[in-house]
Amino acid sequence: ATLGLVGTNIDRLRTPFVKVRAEIDPDSTTAWS
């Protein structure tokens, strides 16, 4: 319910020095995991 209320605004109020990037696909060679 909370997530539905927030909708697409879930990524608002960004944390300084932390940015969004595309999550690495399992076949990628760059994600540490």
All heavy atoms as atom14 arrays in JSON, in Angstrom:
{
  "sequence": "ATLGLVGTNIDRLRTPFVKVRAEIDPDSTTAWS",
  "atom14_mask": [
    [1, 1, 1, 1, 1, 0, 0, 0, 0, 0, 0, 0, 0, 0],
    [1, 1, 1, 1, 1, 1, 1, 0, 0, 0, 0, 0, 0, 0],
    [1, 1, 1, 1, 1, 1, 1, 1, 0, 0, 0, 0, 0, 0],
    [1, 1, 1, 1, 0, 0, 0, 0, 0, 0, 0, 0, 0, 0],
    [1, 1, 1, 1, 1, 1, 1, 1, 0, 0, 0, 0, 0, 0],
    [1, 1, 1, 1, 1, 1, 1, 0, 0, 0, 0, 0, 0, 0],
    [1, 1, 1, 1, 0, 0, 0, 0, 0, 0, 0, 0, 0, 0],
    [1, 1, 1, 1, 1, 1, 1, 0, 0, 0, 0, 0, 0, 0],
    [1, 1, 1, 1, 1, 1, 1, 1, 0, 0, 0, 0, 0, 0],
    [1, 1, 1, 1, 1, 1, 1, 1, 0, 0, 0, 0, 0, 0],
    [1, 1, 1, 1, 1, 1, 1, 1, 0, 0, 0, 0, 0, 0],
    [1, 1, 1, 1, 1, 1, 1, 1, 1, 1, 1, 0, 0, 0],
    [1, 1, 1, 1, 1, 1, 1, 1, 0, 0, 0, 0, 0, 0],
    [1, 1, 1, 1, 1, 1, 1, 1, 1, 1, 1, 0, 0, 0],
    [1, 1, 1, 1, 1, 1, 1, 0, 0, 0, 0, 0, 0, 0],
    [1, 1, 1, 1, 1, 1, 1, 0, 0, 0, 0, 0, 0, 0],
    [1, 1, 1, 1, 1, 1, 1, 1, 1, 1, 1, 0, 0, 0],
    [1, 1, 1, 1, 1, 1, 1, 0, 0, 0, 0, 0, 0, 0],
    [1, 1, 1, 1, 1, 1, 1, 1, 1, 0, 0, 0, 0, 0],
    [1, 1, 1, 1, 1, 1, 1, 0, 0, 0, 0, 0, 0, 0],
    [1, 1, 1, 1, 1, 1, 1, 1, 1, 1, 1, 0, 0, 0],
    [1, 1, 1, 1, 1, 0, 0, 0, 0, 0, 0, 0, 0, 0],
    [1, 1, 1, 1, 1, 1, 1, 1, 1, 0, 0, 0, 0, 0],
    [1, 1, 1, 1, 1, 1, 1, 1, 0, 0, 0, 0, 0, 0],
    [1, 1, 1, 1, 1, 1, 1, 1, 0, 0, 0, 0, 0, 0],
    [1, 1, 1, 1, 1, 1, 1, 0, 0, 0, 0, 0, 0, 0],
    [1, 1, 1, 1, 1, 1, 1, 1, 0, 0, 0, 0, 0, 0],
    [1, 1, 1, 1, 1, 1, 0, 0, 0, 0, 0, 0, 0, 0],
    [1, 1, 1, 1, 1, 1, 1, 0, 0, 0, 0, 0, 0, 0],
    [1, 1, 1, 1, 1, 1, 1, 0, 0, 0, 0, 0, 0, 0],
    [1, 1, 1, 1, 1, 0, 0, 0, 0, 0, 0, 0, 0, 0],
    [1, 1, 1, 1, 1, 1, 1, 1, 1, 1, 1, 1, 1, 1],
    [1, 1, 1, 1, 1, 1, 0, 0, 0, 0, 0, 0, 0, 0]
  ],
  "atom14_positions": [
    [[0.83, -1.2, 0.0], [0.0, 0.0, 0.0], [0.87, 1.25, 0.0], [0.59, 2.22, -0.72], [-0.92, -0.01, 1.22], [0.0, 0.0, 0.0], [0.0, 0.0, 0.0], [0.0, 0.0, 0.0], [0.0, 0.0, 0.0], [0.0, 0.0, 0.0], [0.0, 0.0, 0.0], [0.0, 0.0, 0.0], [0.0, 0.0, 0.0], [0.0, 0.0, 0.0]],
    [[1.93, 1.23, 0.8], [2.84, 2.38, 0.85], [3.52, 2.59, -0.49], [3.64, 3.72, -0.98], [3.9, 2.16, 1.94], [3.24, 1.9, 3.19], [4.78, 3.39, 2.09], [0.0, 0.0, 0.0], [0.0, 0.0, 0.0], [0.0, 0.0, 0.0], [0.0, 0.0, 0.0], [0.0, 0.0, 0.0], [0.0, 0.0, 0.0], [0.0, 0.0, 0.0]],
    [[3.94, 1.49, -1.11], [4.6, 1.6, -2.42], [3.62, 2.09, -3.48], [3.99, 2.87, -4.37], [5.18, 0.23, -2.82], [6.3, -0.31, -1.93], [6.73, -1.69, -2.4], [7.49, 0.64, -1.91], [0.0, 0.0, 0.0], [0.0, 0.0, 0.0], [0.0, 0.0, 0.0], [0.0, 0.0, 0.0], [0.0, 0.0, 0.0], [0.0, 0.0, 0.0]],
    [[2.38, 1.64, -3.4], [1.38, 2.13, -4.35], [1.1, 3.61, -4.16], [0.89, 4.35, -5.13], [0.0, 0.0, 0.0], [0.0, 0.0, 0.0], [0.0, 0.0, 0.0], [0.0, 0.0, 0.0], [0.0, 0.0, 0.0], [0.0, 0.0, 0.0], [0.0, 0.0, 0.0], [0.0, 0.0, 0.0], [0.0, 0.0, 0.0], [0.0, 0.0, 0.0]],
    [[1.09, 4.06, -2.91], [0.86, 5.47, -2.63], [1.99, 6.34, -3.16], [1.78, 7.43, -3.7], [0.71, 5.67, -1.11], [0.23, 7.03, -0.62], [-1.2, 7.3, -1.1], [0.28, 7.08, 0.9], [0.0, 0.0, 0.0], [0.0, 0.0, 0.0], [0.0, 0.0, 0.0], [0.0, 0.0, 0.0], [0.0, 0.0, 0.0], [0.0, 0.0, 0.0]],
    [[3.21, 5.82, -3.02], [4.39, 6.57, -3.49], [4.46, 6.56, -5.01], [4.86, 7.55, -5.64], [5.67, 5.96, -2.88], [6.91, 6.58, -3.5], [5.68, 6.16, -1.37], [0.0, 0.0, 0.0], [0.0, 0.0, 0.0], [0.0, 0.0, 0.0], [0.0, 0.0, 0.0], [0.0, 0.0, 0.0], [0.0, 0.0, 0.0], [0.0, 0.0, 0.0]],
    [[4.08, 5.44, -5.62], [4.11, 5.34, -7.08], [5.5, 5.42, -7.65], [6.44, 4.81, -7.16], [0.0, 0.0, 0.0], [0.0, 0.0, 0.0], [0.0, 0.0, 0.0], [0.0, 0.0, 0.0], [0.0, 0.0, 0.0], [0.0, 0.0, 0.0], [0.0, 0.0, 0.0], [0.0, 0.0, 0.0], [0.0, 0.0, 0.0], [0.0, 0.0, 0.0]],
    [[5.63, 6.24, -8.69], [6.93, 6.39, -9.35], [7.84, 7.37, -8.63], [8.96, 7.62, -9.09], [6.73, 6.86, -10.8], [5.99, 8.1, -10.78], [5.98, 5.83, -11.61], [0.0, 0.0, 0.0], [0.0, 0.0, 0.0], [0.0, 0.0, 0.0], [0.0, 0.0, 0.0], [0.0, 0.0, 0.0], [0.0, 0.0, 0.0], [0.0, 0.0, 0.0]],
    [[7.38, 7.92, -7.51], [8.2, 8.88, -6.76], [9.13, 8.19, -5.76], [9.73, 8.86, -4.92], [7.3, 9.85, -5.99], [6.48, 10.72, -6.91], [6.99, 11.22, -7.91], [5.2, 10.89, -6.59], [0.0, 0.0, 0.0], [0.0, 0.0, 0.0], [0.0, 0.0, 0.0], [0.0, 0.0, 0.0], [0.0, 0.0, 0.0], [0.0, 0.0, 0.0]],
    [[9.25, 6.89, -5.86], [10.04, 6.17, -4.87], [11.5, 6.57, -4.9], [12.23, 6.44, -3.91], [9.9, 4.64, -5.09], [10.48, 3.89, -3.89], [10.55, 4.21, -6.4], [10.15, 2.42, -3.89], [0.0, 0.0, 0.0], [0.0, 0.0, 0.0], [0.0, 0.0, 0.0], [0.0, 0.0, 0.0], [0.0, 0.0, 0.0], [0.0, 0.0, 0.0]],
    [[11.97, 7.1, -6.05], [13.37, 7.5, -6.15], [13.58, 8.99, -5.95], [14.66, 9.52, -6.26], [13.95, 7.08, -7.52], [14.07, 5.57, -7.64], [14.27, 4.93, -6.6], [13.96, 5.04, -8.76], [0.0, 0.0, 0.0], [0.0, 0.0, 0.0], [0.0, 0.0, 0.0], [0.0, 0.0, 0.0], [0.0, 0.0, 0.0], [0.0, 0.0, 0.0]],
    [[12.55, 9.67, -5.43], [12.71, 11.09, -5.12], [13.56, 11.27, -3.87], [13.79, 10.34, -3.1], [11.35, 11.74, -4.91], [10.49, 11.78, -6.16], [10.99, 12.84, -7.13], [10.16, 12.93, -8.33], [9.11, 13.73, -8.43], [8.74, 14.47, -7.41], [8.42, 13.76, -9.56], [0.0, 0.0, 0.0], [0.0, 0.0, 0.0], [0.0, 0.0, 0.0]],
    [[13.99, 12.49, -3.62], [14.84, 12.82, -2.47], [16.08, 11.94, -2.46], [16.35, 11.17, -1.55], [14.06, 12.66, -1.16], [12.8, 13.51, -1.0], [12.13, 13.22, 0.33], [13.14, 14.99, -1.11], [0.0, 0.0, 0.0], [0.0, 0.0, 0.0], [0.0, 0.0, 0.0], [0.0, 0.0, 0.0], [0.0, 0.0, 0.0], [0.0, 0.0, 0.0]],
    [[16.88, 12.11, -3.53], [18.06, 11.28, -3.69], [19.09, 11.54, -2.6], [19.22, 12.64, -2.08], [18.71, 11.55, -5.05], [17.79, 11.31, -6.24], [17.78, 9.85, -6.65], [16.88, 9.61, -7.75], [17.21, 9.77, -9.03], [18.41, 10.21, -9.34], [16.33, 9.51, -9.97], [0.0, 0.0, 0.0], [0.0, 0.0, 0.0], [0.0, 0.0, 0.0]],
    [[19.83, 10.49, -2.27], [20.91, 10.6, -1.3], [22.13, 11.2, -1.98], [22.54, 10.73, -3.05], [21.28, 9.21, -0.75], [20.1, 8.6, -0.24], [22.31, 9.33, 0.36], [0.0, 0.0, 0.0], [0.0, 0.0, 0.0], [0.0, 0.0, 0.0], [0.0, 0.0, 0.0], [0.0, 0.0, 0.0], [0.0, 0.0, 0.0], [0.0, 0.0, 0.0]],
    [[22.75, 12.23, -1.38], [23.95, 12.81, -1.98], [25.05, 11.76, -2.14], [25.2, 10.87, -1.3], [24.37, 13.89, -0.98], [23.13, 14.2, -0.21], [22.35, 12.93, -0.16], [0.0, 0.0, 0.0], [0.0, 0.0, 0.0], [0.0, 0.0, 0.0], [0.0, 0.0, 0.0], [0.0, 0.0, 0.0], [0.0, 0.0, 0.0], [0.0, 0.0, 0.0]],
    [[25.81, 11.86, -3.21], [26.95, 11.0, -3.48], [26.55, 9.56, -3.82], [27.39, 8.67, -3.89], [27.96, 10.98, -2.32], [28.36, 12.34, -1.85], [27.98, 12.8, -0.6], [29.1, 13.17, -2.68], [28.34, 14.06, -0.17], [29.46, 14.44, -2.25], [29.08, 14.89, -1.0], [0.0, 0.0, 0.0], [0.0, 0.0, 0.0], [0.0, 0.0, 0.0]],
    [[25.25, 9.31, -3.98], [24.8, 7.99, -4.41], [23.93, 8.2, -5.65], [22.99, 8.97, -5.62], [23.97, 7.28, -3.31], [23.48, 5.93, -3.81], [24.81, 7.1, -2.06], [0.0, 0.0, 0.0], [0.0, 0.0, 0.0], [0.0, 0.0, 0.0], [0.0, 0.0, 0.0], [0.0, 0.0, 0.0], [0.0, 0.0, 0.0], [0.0, 0.0, 0.0]],
    [[24.27, 7.52, -6.71], [23.54, 7.73, -7.95], [22.99, 6.42, -8.48], [23.44, 5.33, -8.14], [24.45, 8.35, -9.02], [25.57, 7.43, -9.48], [26.37, 8.08, -10.59], [27.46, 7.11, -11.11], [28.24, 7.71, -12.2], [0.0, 0.0, 0.0], [0.0, 0.0, 0.0], [0.0, 0.0, 0.0], [0.0, 0.0, 0.0], [0.0, 0.0, 0.0]],
    [[21.96, 6.55, -9.35], [21.34, 5.38, -9.96], [22.11, 5.01, -11.2], [22.53, 5.84, -11.97], [19.87, 5.68, -10.33], [19.26, 4.47, -11.03], [19.08, 6.04, -9.11], [0.0, 0.0, 0.0], [0.0, 0.0, 0.0], [0.0, 0.0, 0.0], [0.0, 0.0, 0.0], [0.0, 0.0, 0.0], [0.0, 0.0, 0.0], [0.0, 0.0, 0.0]],
    [[22.27, 3.69, -11.36], [22.74, 3.18, -12.64], [21.97, 1.9, -12.92], [21.29, 1.38, -12.03], [24.24, 2.89, -12.63], [24.62, 1.76, -11.69], [26.11, 1.44, -11.81], [26.5, 0.4, -10.89], [26.38, -0.89, -11.11], [25.86, -1.29, -12.25], [26.76, -1.78, -10.21], [0.0, 0.0, 0.0], [0.0, 0.0, 0.0], [0.0, 0.0, 0.0]],
    [[22.07, 1.41, -14.07], [21.37, 0.16, -14.37], [22.0, -0.98, -13.6], [23.22, -1.13, -13.58], [21.45, -0.13, -15.88], [0.0, 0.0, 0.0], [0.0, 0.0, 0.0], [0.0, 0.0, 0.0], [0.0, 0.0, 0.0], [0.0, 0.0, 0.0], [0.0, 0.0, 0.0], [0.0, 0.0, 0.0], [0.0, 0.0, 0.0], [0.0, 0.0, 0.0]],
    [[21.15, -1.8, -12.97], [21.69, -2.94, -12.23], [22.34, -3.9, -13.2], [21.83, -4.16, -14.28], [20.6, -3.65, -11.44], [21.15, -4.8, -10.62], [20.05, -5.46, -9.83], [19.0, -4.84, -9.63], [20.26, -6.6, -9.41], [0.0, 0.0, 0.0], [0.0, 0.0, 0.0], [0.0, 0.0, 0.0], [0.0, 0.0, 0.0], [0.0, 0.0, 0.0]],
    [[23.45, -4.45, -12.81], [24.18, -5.32, -13.71], [23.41, -6.61, -13.95], [22.92, -7.25, -13.04], [25.57, -5.64, -13.12], [26.34, -4.34, -12.9], [26.35, -6.58, -14.01], [26.53, -3.52, -14.14], [0.0, 0.0, 0.0], [0.0, 0.0, 0.0], [0.0, 0.0, 0.0], [0.0, 0.0, 0.0], [0.0, 0.0, 0.0], [0.0, 0.0, 0.0]],
    [[23.32, -6.99, -15.23], [22.68, -8.24, -15.59], [23.52, -9.41, -15.09], [24.75, -9.29, -14.99], [22.53, -8.31, -17.11], [21.77, -9.53, -17.57], [20.55, -9.53, -17.45], [22.44, -10.48, -18.05], [0.0, 0.0, 0.0], [0.0, 0.0, 0.0], [0.0, 0.0, 0.0], [0.0, 0.0, 0.0], [0.0, 0.0, 0.0], [0.0, 0.0, 0.0]],
    [[22.94, -10.54, -14.76], [23.72, -11.67, -14.31], [24.83, -12.08, -15.25], [25.82, -12.68, -14.82], [22.67, -12.79, -14.17], [21.4, -12.06, -13.88], [21.48, -10.79, -14.66], [0.0, 0.0, 0.0], [0.0, 0.0, 0.0], [0.0, 0.0, 0.0], [0.0, 0.0, 0.0], [0.0, 0.0, 0.0], [0.0, 0.0, 0.0], [0.0, 0.0, 0.0]],
    [[24.68, -11.8, -16.54], [25.74, -12.15, -17.48], [26.8, -11.07, -17.6], [27.78, -11.22, -18.33], [25.13, -12.41, -18.87], [24.21, -13.62, -18.86], [24.51, -14.57, -18.11], [23.2, -13.6, -19.59], [0.0, 0.0, 0.0], [0.0, 0.0, 0.0], [0.0, 0.0, 0.0], [0.0, 0.0, 0.0], [0.0, 0.0, 0.0], [0.0, 0.0, 0.0]],
    [[26.63, -9.96, -16.89], [27.59, -8.87, -16.97], [28.9, -9.26, -16.3], [28.96, -10.15, -15.46], [27.01, -7.62, -16.3], [27.99, -6.63, -16.18], [0.0, 0.0, 0.0], [0.0, 0.0, 0.0], [0.0, 0.0, 0.0], [0.0, 0.0, 0.0], [0.0, 0.0, 0.0], [0.0, 0.0, 0.0], [0.0, 0.0, 0.0], [0.0, 0.0, 0.0]],
    [[29.95, -8.55, -16.63], [31.26, -8.81, -16.02], [31.67, -7.7, -15.06], [32.79, -7.72, -14.56], [32.33, -8.94, -17.13], [32.37, -7.71, -17.87], [32.03, -10.11, -18.04], [0.0, 0.0, 0.0], [0.0, 0.0, 0.0], [0.0, 0.0, 0.0], [0.0, 0.0, 0.0], [0.0, 0.0, 0.0], [0.0, 0.0, 0.0], [0.0, 0.0, 0.0]],
    [[30.79, -6.76, -14.8], [31.19, -5.6, -13.99], [30.62, -5.58, -12.59], [31.17, -4.92, -11.72], [30.78, -4.3, -14.71], [29.38, -4.34, -14.95], [31.53, -4.16, -16.02], [0.0, 0.0, 0.0], [0.0, 0.0, 0.0], [0.0, 0.0, 0.0], [0.0, 0.0, 0.0], [0.0, 0.0, 0.0], [0.0, 0.0, 0.0], [0.0, 0.0, 0.0]],
    [[29.52, -6.29, -12.3], [28.96, -6.29, -10.95], [29.83, -7.17, -10.06], [30.19, -8.29, -10.42], [27.53, -6.81, -10.97], [0.0, 0.0, 0.0], [0.0, 0.0, 0.0], [0.0, 0.0, 0.0], [0.0, 0.0, 0.0], [0.0, 0.0, 0.0], [0.0, 0.0, 0.0], [0.0, 0.0, 0.0], [0.0, 0.0, 0.0], [0.0, 0.0, 0.0]],
    [[30.16, -6.67, -8.86], [31.04, -7.44, -7.98], [30.43, -8.78, -7.62], [31.13, -9.81, -7.55], [31.37, -6.65, -6.72], [30.2, -6.52, -5.75], [29.3, -5.51, -5.66], [29.84, -7.48, -4.74], [28.38, -5.77, -4.68], [28.69, -6.96, -4.08], [30.35, -8.7, -4.32], [28.06, -7.63, -3.03], [29.73, -9.37, -3.29], [28.6, -8.84, -2.64]],
    [[29.1, -8.79, -7.4], [28.46, -10.04, -7.01], [28.47, -11.05, -8.15], [28.67, -12.25, -7.94], [27.03, -9.77, -6.55], [26.31, -9.07, -7.55], [0.0, 0.0, 0.0], [0.0, 0.0, 0.0], [0.0, 0.0, 0.0], [0.0, 0.0, 0.0], [0.0, 0.0, 0.0], [0.0, 0.0, 0.0], [0.0, 0.0, 0.0], [0.0, 0.0, 0.0]]
  ]
}
